[in-house]
Amino acid sequence: MLLVTTETITGKEIEMLGLVKGSTIQSKNIGRDITQGLKTLVGGELKSYTDMMNQARQIATERMIEEAQALGADAVVNVRYTSSSVMQGAAEVMAYGTAVKYR
Protein backbone atom coordinates (compact mmCIF):
# COMPACT_ATOMS: atom_id res chain seq x y z
CA MET A 1 0.00 0.00 0.00
CA LEU A 2 1.47 3.31 -1.09
CA LEU A 3 1.14 6.17 1.42
CA VAL A 4 1.91 9.73 0.34
CA THR A 5 1.47 13.17 1.83
CA THR A 6 0.64 14.69 -1.55
CA GLU A 7 -2.81 14.97 -3.13
CA THR A 8 -1.75 13.12 -6.28
CA ILE A 9 0.56 10.30 -7.29
CA THR A 10 2.90 11.15 -10.15
CA GLY A 11 2.09 9.14 -13.26
CA LYS A 12 -1.16 7.71 -11.85
CA GLU A 13 -4.74 8.65 -12.53
CA ILE A 14 -6.66 8.06 -9.31
CA GLU A 15 -10.25 7.65 -8.21
CA MET A 16 -11.02 8.79 -4.66
CA LEU A 17 -12.75 6.21 -2.48
CA GLY A 18 -13.09 8.18 0.74
CA LEU A 19 -11.60 9.12 4.07
CA VAL A 20 -9.74 6.45 6.02
CA LYS A 21 -8.30 6.71 9.49
CA GLY A 22 -6.68 4.74 12.24
CA SER A 23 -6.06 5.66 15.84
CA THR A 24 -4.77 4.40 19.14
CA ILE A 25 -4.63 5.75 22.67
CA GLN A 26 -1.43 5.23 24.60
CA SER A 27 -0.95 5.80 28.30
CA LYS A 28 2.20 6.48 30.22
CA ASN A 29 3.71 3.85 32.49
CA ILE A 30 3.93 5.23 36.05
CA GLY A 31 7.47 3.90 36.50
CA ARG A 32 8.54 5.33 33.16
CA ASP A 33 6.83 8.62 34.04
CA ILE A 34 8.92 8.98 37.21
CA THR A 35 12.23 8.24 35.49
CA GLN A 36 11.40 10.50 32.55
CA GLY A 37 10.37 13.24 34.98
CA LEU A 38 13.85 13.10 36.48
CA LYS A 39 15.31 13.37 32.97
CA THR A 40 13.62 16.76 32.55
CA LEU A 41 15.91 18.12 35.27
CA VAL A 42 19.01 17.63 33.12
CA GLY A 43 17.44 17.90 29.67
CA GLY A 44 17.71 15.72 26.61
CA GLU A 45 15.47 13.38 24.67
CA LEU A 46 12.87 11.36 26.54
CA LYS A 47 13.62 8.17 24.63
CA SER A 48 10.94 5.98 26.19
CA TYR A 49 8.29 8.55 25.25
CA THR A 50 9.74 8.82 21.75
CA ASP A 51 9.51 5.03 21.45
CA MET A 52 5.93 5.06 22.77
CA MET A 53 4.83 7.70 20.25
CA ASN A 54 6.62 5.93 17.37
CA GLN A 55 4.76 2.73 18.28
CA ALA A 56 1.46 4.64 18.51
CA ARG A 57 2.00 6.14 15.02
CA GLN A 58 2.79 2.68 13.64
CA ILE A 59 -0.41 1.20 15.12
CA ALA A 60 -2.51 4.11 13.83
CA THR A 61 -0.96 3.78 10.37
CA GLU A 62 -1.64 0.03 10.24
CA ARG A 63 -5.27 0.61 11.20
CA MET A 64 -5.64 3.28 8.51
CA ILE A 65 -4.18 0.88 5.93
CA GLU A 66 -6.65 -1.83 7.01
CA GLU A 67 -9.56 0.58 6.38
CA ALA A 68 -8.14 1.48 2.98
CA GLN A 69 -7.70 -2.18 2.02
CA ALA A 70 -11.32 -2.88 3.03
CA LEU A 71 -12.36 -0.25 0.46
CA GLY A 72 -10.18 -1.87 -2.22
CA ALA A 73 -7.68 1.00 -2.27
CA ASP A 74 -4.31 0.91 -3.96
CA ALA A 75 -2.95 3.88 -2.02
CA VAL A 76 -3.71 6.56 0.54
CA VAL A 77 -3.01 10.17 -0.42
CA ASN A 78 -2.77 13.30 1.69
CA VAL A 79 -1.73 11.28 4.77
CA ARG A 80 -1.63 13.27 7.99
CA TYR A 81 -0.98 12.54 11.66
CA THR A 82 -2.41 14.25 14.70
CA SER A 83 -2.20 13.70 18.42
CA SER A 84 -4.16 15.00 21.35
CA SER A 85 -4.36 14.55 25.06
CA VAL A 86 -7.34 12.40 26.02
CA MET A 87 -6.81 12.59 29.76
CA GLN A 88 -3.87 13.19 32.05
CA GLY A 89 -1.24 10.63 31.13
CA ALA A 90 -2.92 9.41 27.92
CA ALA A 91 -2.70 10.61 24.33
CA GLU A 92 -4.48 9.65 21.13
CA VAL A 93 -2.55 9.40 17.88
CA MET A 94 -4.54 9.41 14.65
CA ALA A 95 -3.46 8.79 11.06
CA TYR A 96 -5.84 9.80 8.28
CA GLY A 97 -5.94 10.33 4.55
CA THR A 98 -7.91 9.68 1.38
CA ALA A 99 -8.09 6.14 0.04
CA VAL A 100 -7.66 5.98 -3.73
CA LYS A 101 -7.78 3.40 -6.48
CA TYR A 102 -5.70 3.54 -9.67
CA ARG A 103 -7.74 3.85 -12.88
PDB file of N, CA and C in Angstrom:
ATOM      1  N   MET A   1       0.865  -1.177   0.000  1.00  0.00           N
ATOM      2  CA  MET A   1       0.000   0.000   0.000  1.00  0.00           C
ATOM      3  C   MET A   1       0.903   1.229   0.000  1.00  0.00           C
ATOM      4  N   LEU A   2       0.702   2.071  -0.986  1.00  0.00           N
ATOM      5  CA  LEU A   2       1.472   3.311  -1.090  1.00  0.00           C
ATOM      6  C   LEU A   2       0.815   4.381  -0.226  1.00  0.00           C
ATOM      7  N   LEU A   3       1.615   5.049   0.587  1.00  0.00           N
ATOM      8  CA  LEU A   3       1.144   6.165   1.421  1.00  0.00           C
ATOM      9  C   LEU A   3       1.937   7.390   1.023  1.00  0.00           C
ATOM     10  N   VAL A   4       1.222   8.490   0.709  1.00  0.00           N
ATOM     11  CA  VAL A   4       1.908   9.726   0.338  1.00  0.00           C
ATOM     12  C   VAL A   4       1.245  10.909   1.029  1.00  0.00           C
ATOM     13  N   THR A   5       2.012  11.960   1.206  1.00  0.00           N
ATOM     14  CA  THR A   5       1.471  13.169   1.829  1.00  0.00           C
ATOM     15  C   THR A   5       0.948  14.158   0.785  1.00  0.00           C
ATOM     16  N   THR A   6       1.113  13.827  -0.476  1.00  0.00           N
ATOM     17  CA  THR A   6       0.642  14.694  -1.554  1.00  0.00           C
ATOM     18  C   THR A   6      -0.794  14.330  -1.939  1.00  0.00           C
ATOM     19  N   GLU A   7      -1.434  15.212  -2.705  1.00  0.00           N
ATOM     20  CA  GLU A   7      -2.813  14.968  -3.130  1.00  0.00           C
ATOM     21  C   GLU A   7      -2.898  14.094  -4.368  1.00  0.00           C
ATOM     22  N   THR A   8      -1.783  13.927  -5.056  1.00  0.00           N
ATOM     23  CA  THR A   8      -1.750  13.122  -6.277  1.00  0.00           C
ATOM     24  C   THR A   8      -0.568  12.170  -6.217  1.00  0.00           C
ATOM     25  N   ILE A   9      -0.568  11.222  -7.150  1.00  0.00           N
ATOM     26  CA  ILE A   9       0.557  10.302  -7.293  1.00  0.00           C
ATOM     27  C   ILE A   9       1.071  10.477  -8.714  1.00  0.00           C
ATOM     28  N   THR A  10       2.312  10.881  -8.849  1.00  0.00           N
ATOM     29  CA  THR A  10       2.903  11.148 -10.150  1.00  0.00           C
ATOM     30  C   THR A  10       2.754   9.931 -11.069  1.00  0.00           C
ATOM     31  N   GLY A  11       2.221  10.187 -12.262  1.00  0.00           N
ATOM     32  CA  GLY A  11       2.093   9.135 -13.257  1.00  0.00           C
ATOM     33  C   GLY A  11       0.872   8.244 -13.086  1.00  0.00           C
ATOM     34  N   LYS A  12       0.022   8.535 -12.096  1.00  0.00           N
ATOM     35  CA  LYS A  12      -1.164   7.707 -11.853  1.00  0.00           C
ATOM     36  C   LYS A  12      -2.423   8.565 -11.917  1.00  0.00           C
ATOM     37  N   GLU A  13      -3.422   8.043 -12.586  1.00  0.00           N
ATOM     38  CA  GLU A  13      -4.738   8.651 -12.534  1.00  0.00           C
ATOM     39  C   GLU A  13      -5.483   7.922 -11.420  1.00  0.00           C
ATOM     40  N   ILE A  14      -6.056   8.691 -10.493  1.00  0.00           N
ATOM     41  CA  ILE A  14      -6.656   8.059  -9.314  1.00  0.00           C
ATOM     42  C   ILE A  14      -8.135   8.398  -9.177  1.00  0.00           C
ATOM     43  N   GLU A  15      -8.839   7.477  -8.550  1.00  0.00           N
ATOM     44  CA  GLU A  15     -10.251   7.651  -8.210  1.00  0.00           C
ATOM     45  C   GLU A  15     -10.330   7.655  -6.682  1.00  0.00           C
ATOM     46  N   MET A  16     -10.911   8.689  -6.114  1.00  0.00           N
ATOM     47  CA  MET A  16     -11.016   8.787  -4.662  1.00  0.00           C
ATOM     48  C   MET A  16     -12.118   7.868  -4.140  1.00  0.00           C
ATOM     49  N   LEU A  17     -11.788   7.133  -3.085  1.00  0.00           N
ATOM     50  CA  LEU A  17     -12.749   6.211  -2.478  1.00  0.00           C
ATOM     51  C   LEU A  17     -13.331   6.747  -1.179  1.00  0.00           C
ATOM     52  N   GLY A  18     -12.584   7.599  -0.495  1.00  0.00           N
ATOM     53  CA  GLY A  18     -13.088   8.184   0.740  1.00  0.00           C
ATOM     54  C   GLY A  18     -12.041   8.282   1.838  1.00  0.00           C
ATOM     55  N   LEU A  19     -12.462   8.913   2.906  1.00  0.00           N
ATOM     56  CA  LEU A  19     -11.604   9.125   4.071  1.00  0.00           C
ATOM     57  C   LEU A  19     -11.348   7.807   4.789  1.00  0.00           C
ATOM     58  N   VAL A  20     -10.101   7.597   5.180  1.00  0.00           N
ATOM     59  CA  VAL A  20      -9.738   6.450   6.018  1.00  0.00           C
ATOM     60  C   VAL A  20      -8.924   6.965   7.191  1.00  0.00           C
ATOM     61  N   LYS A  21      -9.022   6.275   8.300  1.00  0.00           N
ATOM     62  CA  LYS A  21      -8.302   6.708   9.487  1.00  0.00           C
ATOM     63  C   LYS A  21      -7.975   5.509  10.357  1.00  0.00           C
ATOM     64  N   GLY A  22      -7.042   5.732  11.232  1.00  0.00           N
ATOM     65  CA  GLY A  22      -6.683   4.741  12.239  1.00  0.00           C
ATOM     66  C   GLY A  22      -6.216   5.495  13.460  1.00  0.00           C
ATOM     67  N   SER A  23      -6.506   4.957  14.635  1.00  0.00           N
ATOM     68  CA  SER A  23      -6.064   5.661  15.842  1.00  0.00           C
ATOM     69  C   SER A  23      -5.757   4.662  16.952  1.00  0.00           C
ATOM     70  N   THR A  24      -5.059   5.162  17.937  1.00  0.00           N
ATOM     71  CA  THR A  24      -4.769   4.402  19.143  1.00  0.00           C
ATOM     72  C   THR A  24      -4.597   5.393  20.285  1.00  0.00           C
ATOM     73  N   ILE A  25      -4.856   4.935  21.473  1.00  0.00           N
ATOM     74  CA  ILE A  25      -4.629   5.751  22.668  1.00  0.00           C
ATOM     75  C   ILE A  25      -3.575   5.049  23.505  1.00  0.00           C
ATOM     76  N   GLN A  26      -2.529   5.775  23.812  1.00  0.00           N
ATOM     77  CA  GLN A  26      -1.428   5.234  24.604  1.00  0.00           C
ATOM     78  C   GLN A  26      -1.388   5.943  25.950  1.00  0.00           C
ATOM     79  N   SER A  27      -1.100   5.185  26.984  1.00  0.00           N
ATOM     80  CA  SER A  27      -0.954   5.802  28.302  1.00  0.00           C
ATOM     81  C   SER A  27       0.474   5.623  28.796  1.00  0.00           C
ATOM     82  N   LYS A  28       0.859   6.522  29.669  1.00  0.00           N
ATOM     83  CA  LYS A  28       2.202   6.476  30.221  1.00  0.00           C
ATOM     84  C   LYS A  28       2.272   5.416  31.315  1.00  0.00           C
ATOM     85  N   ASN A  29       3.417   4.795  31.424  1.00  0.00           N
ATOM     86  CA  ASN A  29       3.706   3.845  32.487  1.00  0.00           C
ATOM     87  C   ASN A  29       4.183   4.652  33.692  1.00  0.00           C
ATOM     88  N   ILE A  30       3.607   4.416  34.859  1.00  0.00           N
ATOM     89  CA  ILE A  30       3.930   5.231  36.052  1.00  0.00           C
ATOM     90  C   ILE A  30       5.419   5.174  36.386  1.00  0.00           C
ATOM     91  N   GLY A  31       6.037   4.013  36.244  1.00  0.00           N
ATOM     92  CA  GLY A  31       7.475   3.899  36.502  1.00  0.00           C
ATOM     93  C   GLY A  31       8.275   4.691  35.487  1.00  0.00           C
ATOM     94  N   ARG A  32       7.876   4.582  34.235  1.00  0.00           N
ATOM     95  CA  ARG A  32       8.535   5.327  33.163  1.00  0.00           C
ATOM     96  C   ARG A  32       8.339   6.817  33.384  1.00  0.00           C
ATOM     97  N   ASP A  33       7.148   7.210  33.827  1.00  0.00           N
ATOM     98  CA  ASP A  33       6.831   8.616  34.043  1.00  0.00           C
ATOM     99  C   ASP A  33       7.763   9.225  35.094  1.00  0.00           C
ATOM    100  N   ILE A  34       8.029   8.487  36.149  1.00  0.00           N
ATOM    101  CA  ILE A  34       8.916   8.982  37.215  1.00  0.00           C
ATOM    102  C   ILE A  34      10.331   9.157  36.689  1.00  0.00           C
ATOM    103  N   THR A  35      10.855   8.138  35.984  1.00  0.00           N
ATOM    104  CA  THR A  35      12.230   8.241  35.492  1.00  0.00           C
ATOM    105  C   THR A  35      12.361   9.321  34.418  1.00  0.00           C
ATOM    106  N   GLN A  36      11.346   9.467  33.579  1.00  0.00           N
ATOM    107  CA  GLN A  36      11.401  10.499  32.550  1.00  0.00           C
ATOM    108  C   GLN A  36      11.248  11.888  33.169  1.00  0.00           C
ATOM    109  N   GLY A  37      10.494  11.979  34.267  1.00  0.00           N
ATOM    110  CA  GLY A  37      10.368  13.241  34.985  1.00  0.00           C
ATOM    111  C   GLY A  37      11.713  13.698  35.522  1.00  0.00           C
ATOM    112  N   LEU A  38      12.512  12.770  36.002  1.00  0.00           N
ATOM    113  CA  LEU A  38      13.853  13.101  36.480  1.00  0.00           C
ATOM    114  C   LEU A  38      14.743  13.569  35.323  1.00  0.00           C
ATOM    115  N   LYS A  39      14.524  13.004  34.150  1.00  0.00           N
ATOM    116  CA  LYS A  39      15.311  13.374  32.971  1.00  0.00           C
ATOM    117  C   LYS A  39      15.091  14.843  32.606  1.00  0.00           C
ATOM    118  N   THR A  40      13.893  15.364  32.887  1.00  0.00           N
ATOM    119  CA  THR A  40      13.616  16.759  32.550  1.00  0.00           C
ATOM    120  C   THR A  40      14.484  17.722  33.358  1.00  0.00           C
ATOM    121  N   LEU A  41      15.036  17.260  34.463  1.00  0.00           N
ATOM    122  CA  LEU A  41      15.912  18.118  35.274  1.00  0.00           C
ATOM    123  C   LEU A  41      17.228  18.415  34.570  1.00  0.00           C
ATOM    124  N   VAL A  42      17.717  17.447  33.783  1.00  0.00           N
ATOM    125  CA  VAL A  42      19.007  17.626  33.122  1.00  0.00           C
ATOM    126  C   VAL A  42      18.868  17.887  31.630  1.00  0.00           C
ATOM    127  N   GLY A  43      17.682  17.660  31.089  1.00  0.00           N
ATOM    128  CA  GLY A  43      17.444  17.903  29.665  1.00  0.00           C
ATOM    129  C   GLY A  43      17.790  16.704  28.808  1.00  0.00           C
ATOM    130  N   GLY A  44      17.434  16.794  27.560  1.00  0.00           N
ATOM    131  CA  GLY A  44      17.710  15.717  26.610  1.00  0.00           C
ATOM    132  C   GLY A  44      16.438  15.027  26.161  1.00  0.00           C
ATOM    133  N   GLU A  45      16.610  14.106  25.245  1.00  0.00           N
ATOM    134  CA  GLU A  45      15.475  13.382  24.671  1.00  0.00           C
ATOM    135  C   GLU A  45      14.889  12.397  25.681  1.00  0.00           C
ATOM    136  N   LEU A  46      13.576  12.331  25.709  1.00  0.00           N
ATOM    137  CA  LEU A  46      12.870  11.355  26.545  1.00  0.00           C
ATOM    138  C   LEU A  46      12.618  10.130  25.672  1.00  0.00           C
ATOM    139  N   LYS A  47      13.626   9.261  25.593  1.00  0.00           N
ATOM    140  CA  LYS A  47      13.617   8.166  24.625  1.00  0.00           C
ATOM    141  C   LYS A  47      12.453   7.211  24.810  1.00  0.00           C
ATOM    142  N   SER A  48      12.056   6.923  26.027  1.00  0.00           N
ATOM    143  CA  SER A  48      10.945   5.982  26.195  1.00  0.00           C
ATOM    144  C   SER A  48       9.636   6.586  25.686  1.00  0.00           C
ATOM    145  N   TYR A  49       9.480   7.903  25.812  1.00  0.00           N
ATOM    146  CA  TYR A  49       8.290   8.553  25.254  1.00  0.00           C
ATOM    147  C   TYR A  49       8.367   8.612  23.726  1.00  0.00           C
ATOM    148  N   THR A  50       9.551   8.839  23.199  1.00  0.00           N
ATOM    149  CA  THR A  50       9.737   8.818  21.753  1.00  0.00           C
ATOM    150  C   THR A  50       9.360   7.449  21.201  1.00  0.00           C
ATOM    151  N   ASP A  51       9.835   6.396  21.858  1.00  0.00           N
ATOM    152  CA  ASP A  51       9.507   5.029  21.446  1.00  0.00           C
ATOM    153  C   ASP A  51       8.004   4.779  21.526  1.00  0.00           C
ATOM    154  N   MET A  52       7.367   5.247  22.598  1.00  0.00           N
ATOM    155  CA  MET A  52       5.930   5.060  22.771  1.00  0.00           C
ATOM    156  C   MET A  52       5.158   5.752  21.648  1.00  0.00           C
ATOM    157  N   MET A  53       5.540   6.969  21.295  1.00  0.00           N
ATOM    158  CA  MET A  53       4.834   7.698  20.249  1.00  0.00           C
ATOM    159  C   MET A  53       5.104   7.096  18.866  1.00  0.00           C
ATOM    160  N   ASN A  54       6.320   6.605  18.639  1.00  0.00           N
ATOM    161  CA  ASN A  54       6.618   5.929  17.369  1.00  0.00           C
ATOM    162  C   ASN A  54       5.747   4.681  17.223  1.00  0.00           C
ATOM    163  N   GLN A  55       5.602   3.925  18.304  1.00  0.00           N
ATOM    164  CA  GLN A  55       4.755   2.732  18.281  1.00  0.00           C
ATOM    165  C   GLN A  55       3.298   3.123  18.042  1.00  0.00           C
ATOM    166  N   ALA A  56       2.849   4.183  18.676  1.00  0.00           N
ATOM    167  CA  ALA A  56       1.463   4.635  18.506  1.00  0.00           C
ATOM    168  C   ALA A  56       1.211   5.047  17.053  1.00  0.00           C
ATOM    169  N   ARG A  57       2.154   5.759  16.430  1.00  0.00           N
ATOM    170  CA  ARG A  57       2.004   6.142  15.019  1.00  0.00           C
ATOM    171  C   ARG A  57       1.955   4.910  14.124  1.00  0.00           C
ATOM    172  N   GLN A  58       2.775   3.911  14.439  1.00  0.00           N
ATOM    173  CA  GLN A  58       2.792   2.680  13.638  1.00  0.00           C
ATOM    174  C   GLN A  58       1.439   1.960  13.735  1.00  0.00           C
ATOM    175  N   ILE A  59       0.887   1.851  14.929  1.00  0.00           N
ATOM    176  CA  ILE A  59      -0.412   1.201  15.118  1.00  0.00           C
ATOM    177  C   ILE A  59      -1.495   1.962  14.367  1.00  0.00           C
ATOM    178  N   ALA A  60      -1.509   3.287  14.509  1.00  0.00           N
ATOM    179  CA  ALA A  60      -2.513   4.108  13.832  1.00  0.00           C
ATOM    180  C   ALA A  60      -2.394   3.964  12.317  1.00  0.00           C
ATOM    181  N   THR A  61      -1.179   3.932  11.798  1.00  0.00           N
ATOM    182  CA  THR A  61      -0.957   3.777  10.368  1.00  0.00           C
ATOM    183  C   THR A  61      -1.476   2.425   9.888  1.00  0.00           C
ATOM    184  N   GLU A  62      -1.169   1.369  10.616  1.00  0.00           N
ATOM    185  CA  GLU A  62      -1.637   0.030  10.242  1.00  0.00           C
ATOM    186  C   GLU A  62      -3.163  -0.029  10.217  1.00  0.00           C
ATOM    187  N   ARG A  63      -3.812   0.607  11.164  1.00  0.00           N
ATOM    188  CA  ARG A  63      -5.274   0.614  11.197  1.00  0.00           C
ATOM    189  C   ARG A  63      -5.864   1.414  10.034  1.00  0.00           C
ATOM    190  N   MET A  64      -5.197   2.506   9.666  1.00  0.00           N
ATOM    191  CA  MET A  64      -5.639   3.281   8.514  1.00  0.00           C
ATOM    192  C   MET A  64      -5.507   2.446   7.239  1.00  0.00           C
ATOM    193  N   ILE A  65      -4.399   1.733   7.097  1.00  0.00           N
ATOM    194  CA  ILE A  65      -4.181   0.881   5.931  1.00  0.00           C
ATOM    195  C   ILE A  65      -5.253  -0.209   5.856  1.00  0.00           C
ATOM    196  N   GLU A  66      -5.610  -0.801   6.987  1.00  0.00           N
ATOM    197  CA  GLU A  66      -6.654  -1.828   7.010  1.00  0.00           C
ATOM    198  C   GLU A  66      -7.983  -1.272   6.489  1.00  0.00           C
ATOM    199  N   GLU A  67      -8.332  -0.048   6.894  1.00  0.00           N
ATOM    200  CA  GLU A  67      -9.564   0.580   6.384  1.00  0.00           C
ATOM    201  C   GLU A  67      -9.480   0.794   4.884  1.00  0.00           C
ATOM    202  N   ALA A  68      -8.319   1.235   4.407  1.00  0.00           N
ATOM    203  CA  ALA A  68      -8.139   1.478   2.981  1.00  0.00           C
ATOM    204  C   ALA A  68      -8.242   0.169   2.196  1.00  0.00           C
ATOM    205  N   GLN A  69      -7.639  -0.883   2.695  1.00  0.00           N
ATOM    206  CA  GLN A  69      -7.699  -2.180   2.023  1.00  0.00           C
ATOM    207  C   GLN A  69      -9.137  -2.691   1.965  1.00  0.00           C
ATOM    208  N   ALA A  70      -9.916  -2.458   3.015  1.00  0.00           N
ATOM    209  CA  ALA A  70     -11.318  -2.884   3.033  1.00  0.00           C
ATOM    210  C   ALA A  70     -12.132  -2.179   1.943  1.00  0.00           C
ATOM    211  N   LEU A  71     -11.694  -0.981   1.533  1.00  0.00           N
ATOM    212  CA  LEU A  71     -12.359  -0.249   0.456  1.00  0.00           C
ATOM    213  C   LEU A  71     -11.826  -0.639  -0.928  1.00  0.00           C
ATOM    214  N   GLY A  72     -10.791  -1.478  -0.948  1.00  0.00           N
ATOM    215  CA  GLY A  72     -10.176  -1.869  -2.219  1.00  0.00           C
ATOM    216  C   GLY A  72      -9.175  -0.864  -2.738  1.00  0.00           C
ATOM    217  N   ALA A  73      -8.617  -0.059  -1.871  1.00  0.00           N
ATOM    218  CA  ALA A  73      -7.685   1.001  -2.271  1.00  0.00           C
ATOM    219  C   ALA A  73      -6.322   0.456  -2.679  1.00  0.00           C
ATOM    220  N   ASP A  74      -5.687   1.196  -3.571  1.00  0.00           N
ATOM    221  CA  ASP A  74      -4.313   0.912  -3.963  1.00  0.00           C
ATOM    222  C   ASP A  74      -3.323   1.782  -3.191  1.00  0.00           C
ATOM    223  N   ALA A  75      -3.827   2.923  -2.693  1.00  0.00           N
ATOM    224  CA  ALA A  75      -2.952   3.881  -2.017  1.00  0.00           C
ATOM    225  C   ALA A  75      -3.786   4.787  -1.113  1.00  0.00           C
ATOM    226  N   VAL A  76      -3.077   5.525  -0.268  1.00  0.00           N
ATOM    227  CA  VAL A  76      -3.708   6.565   0.545  1.00  0.00           C
ATOM    228  C   VAL A  76      -2.925   7.844   0.288  1.00  0.00           C
ATOM    229  N   VAL A  77      -3.646   8.882  -0.143  1.00  0.00           N
ATOM    230  CA  VAL A  77      -3.006  10.168  -0.418  1.00  0.00           C
ATOM    231  C   VAL A  77      -3.345  11.160   0.681  1.00  0.00           C
ATOM    232  N   ASN A  78      -2.546  12.223   0.722  1.00  0.00           N
ATOM    233  CA  ASN A  78      -2.766  13.305   1.690  1.00  0.00           C
ATOM    234  C   ASN A  78      -2.752  12.791   3.140  1.00  0.00           C
ATOM    235  N   VAL A  79      -1.823  11.883   3.428  1.00  0.00           N
ATOM    236  CA  VAL A  79      -1.726  11.283   4.771  1.00  0.00           C
ATOM    237  C   VAL A  79      -1.270  12.329   5.774  1.00  0.00           C
ATOM    238  N   ARG A  80      -1.954  12.347   6.904  1.00  0.00           N
ATOM    239  CA  ARG A  80      -1.631  13.273   7.993  1.00  0.00           C
ATOM    240  C   ARG A  80      -1.673  12.519   9.323  1.00  0.00           C
ATOM    241  N   TYR A  81      -0.968  13.072  10.300  1.00  0.00           N
ATOM    242  CA  TYR A  81      -0.985  12.540  11.661  1.00  0.00           C
ATOM    243  C   TYR A  81      -1.375  13.657  12.617  1.00  0.00           C
ATOM    244  N   THR A  82      -2.067  13.291  13.656  1.00  0.00           N
ATOM    245  CA  THR A  82      -2.415  14.246  14.698  1.00  0.00           C
ATOM    246  C   THR A  82      -2.374  13.532  16.034  1.00  0.00           C
ATOM    247  N   SER A  83      -2.153  14.286  17.077  1.00  0.00           N
ATOM    248  CA  SER A  83      -2.204  13.703  18.424  1.00  0.00           C
ATOM    249  C   SER A  83      -2.883  14.698  19.350  1.00  0.00           C
ATOM    250  N   SER A  84      -3.506  14.146  20.366  1.00  0.00           N
ATOM    251  CA  SER A  84      -4.164  15.002  21.348  1.00  0.00           C
ATOM    252  C   SER A  84      -4.206  14.295  22.687  1.00  0.00           C
ATOM    253  N   SER A  85      -4.244  15.083  23.716  1.00  0.00           N
ATOM    254  CA  SER A  85      -4.356  14.547  25.064  1.00  0.00           C
ATOM    255  C   SER A  85      -5.803  14.136  25.311  1.00  0.00           C
ATOM    256  N   VAL A  86      -6.001  12.913  25.752  1.00  0.00           N
ATOM    257  CA  VAL A  86      -7.342  12.404  26.023  1.00  0.00           C
ATOM    258  C   VAL A  86      -7.681  12.607  27.495  1.00  0.00           C
ATOM    259  N   MET A  87      -6.702  12.375  28.320  1.00  0.00           N
ATOM    260  CA  MET A  87      -6.808  12.592  29.759  1.00  0.00           C
ATOM    261  C   MET A  87      -5.373  12.706  30.279  1.00  0.00           C
ATOM    262  N   GLN A  88      -5.225  13.050  31.516  1.00  0.00           N
ATOM    263  CA  GLN A  88      -3.870  13.186  32.046  1.00  0.00           C
ATOM    264  C   GLN A  88      -3.158  11.840  31.940  1.00  0.00           C
ATOM    265  N   GLY A  89      -2.031  11.838  31.268  1.00  0.00           N
ATOM    266  CA  GLY A  89      -1.238  10.626  31.135  1.00  0.00           C
ATOM    267  C   GLY A  89      -1.615   9.752  29.953  1.00  0.00           C
ATOM    268  N   ALA A  90      -2.539  10.203  29.091  1.00  0.00           N
ATOM    269  CA  ALA A  90      -2.919   9.405  27.922  1.00  0.00           C
ATOM    270  C   ALA A  90      -3.088  10.310  26.708  1.00  0.00           C
ATOM    271  N   ALA A  91      -2.612   9.838  25.567  1.00  0.00           N
ATOM    272  CA  ALA A  91      -2.705  10.607  24.329  1.00  0.00           C
ATOM    273  C   ALA A  91      -3.217   9.733  23.198  1.00  0.00           C
ATOM    274  N   GLU A  92      -4.011  10.337  22.324  1.00  0.00           N
ATOM    275  CA  GLU A  92      -4.480   9.654  21.127  1.00  0.00           C
ATOM    276  C   GLU A  92      -3.606  10.076  19.957  1.00  0.00           C
ATOM    277  N   VAL A  93      -3.246   9.123  19.131  1.00  0.00           N
ATOM    278  CA  VAL A  93      -2.548   9.395  17.882  1.00  0.00           C
ATOM    279  C   VAL A  93      -3.455   8.901  16.773  1.00  0.00           C
ATOM    280  N   MET A  94      -3.678   9.762  15.773  1.00  0.00           N
ATOM    281  CA  MET A  94      -4.541   9.405  14.646  1.00  0.00           C
ATOM    282  C   MET A  94      -3.793   9.620  13.343  1.00  0.00           C
ATOM    283  N   ALA A  95      -3.954   8.667  12.431  1.00  0.00           N
ATOM    284  CA  ALA A  95      -3.458   8.785  11.063  1.00  0.00           C
ATOM    285  C   ALA A  95      -4.690   8.828  10.170  1.00  0.00           C
ATOM    286  N   TYR A  96      -4.688   9.740   9.174  1.00  0.00           N
ATOM    287  CA  TYR A  96      -5.840   9.805   8.279  1.00  0.00           C
ATOM    288  C   TYR A  96      -5.402  10.273   6.892  1.00  0.00           C
ATOM    289  N   GLY A  97      -6.215   9.938   5.920  1.00  0.00           N
ATOM    290  CA  GLY A  97      -5.941  10.329   4.549  1.00  0.00           C
ATOM    291  C   GLY A  97      -7.088   9.931   3.654  1.00  0.00           C
ATOM    292  N   THR A  98      -6.882  10.018   2.364  1.00  0.00           N
ATOM    293  CA  THR A  98      -7.907   9.677   1.382  1.00  0.00           C
ATOM    294  C   THR A  98      -7.497   8.400   0.653  1.00  0.00           C
ATOM    295  N   ALA A  99      -8.338   7.379   0.750  1.00  0.00           N
ATOM    296  CA  ALA A  99      -8.091   6.135   0.045  1.00  0.00           C
ATOM    297  C   ALA A  99      -8.383   6.347  -1.442  1.00  0.00           C
ATOM    298  N   VAL A 100      -7.503   5.833  -2.288  1.00  0.00           N
ATOM    299  CA  VAL A 100      -7.665   5.977  -3.734  1.00  0.00           C
ATOM    300  C   VAL A 100      -7.410   4.653  -4.437  1.00  0.00           C
ATOM    301  N   LYS A 101      -7.989   4.561  -5.616  1.00  0.00           N
ATOM    302  CA  LYS A 101      -7.780   3.395  -6.479  1.00  0.00           C
ATOM    303  C   LYS A 101      -7.218   3.916  -7.794  1.00  0.00           C
ATOM    304  N   TYR A 102      -6.252   3.162  -8.371  1.00  0.00           N
ATOM    305  CA  TYR A 102      -5.703   3.535  -9.670  1.00  0.00           C
ATOM    306  C   TYR A 102      -6.725   3.221 -10.749  1.00  0.00           C
ATOM    307  N   ARG A 103      -6.812   4.092 -11.750  1.00  0.00           N
ATOM    308  CA  ARG A 103      -7.736   3.845 -12.884  1.00  0.00           C
ATOM    309  C   ARG A 103      -7.041   3.065 -13.954  1.00  0.00           C
TER     310      ARG A 103
END
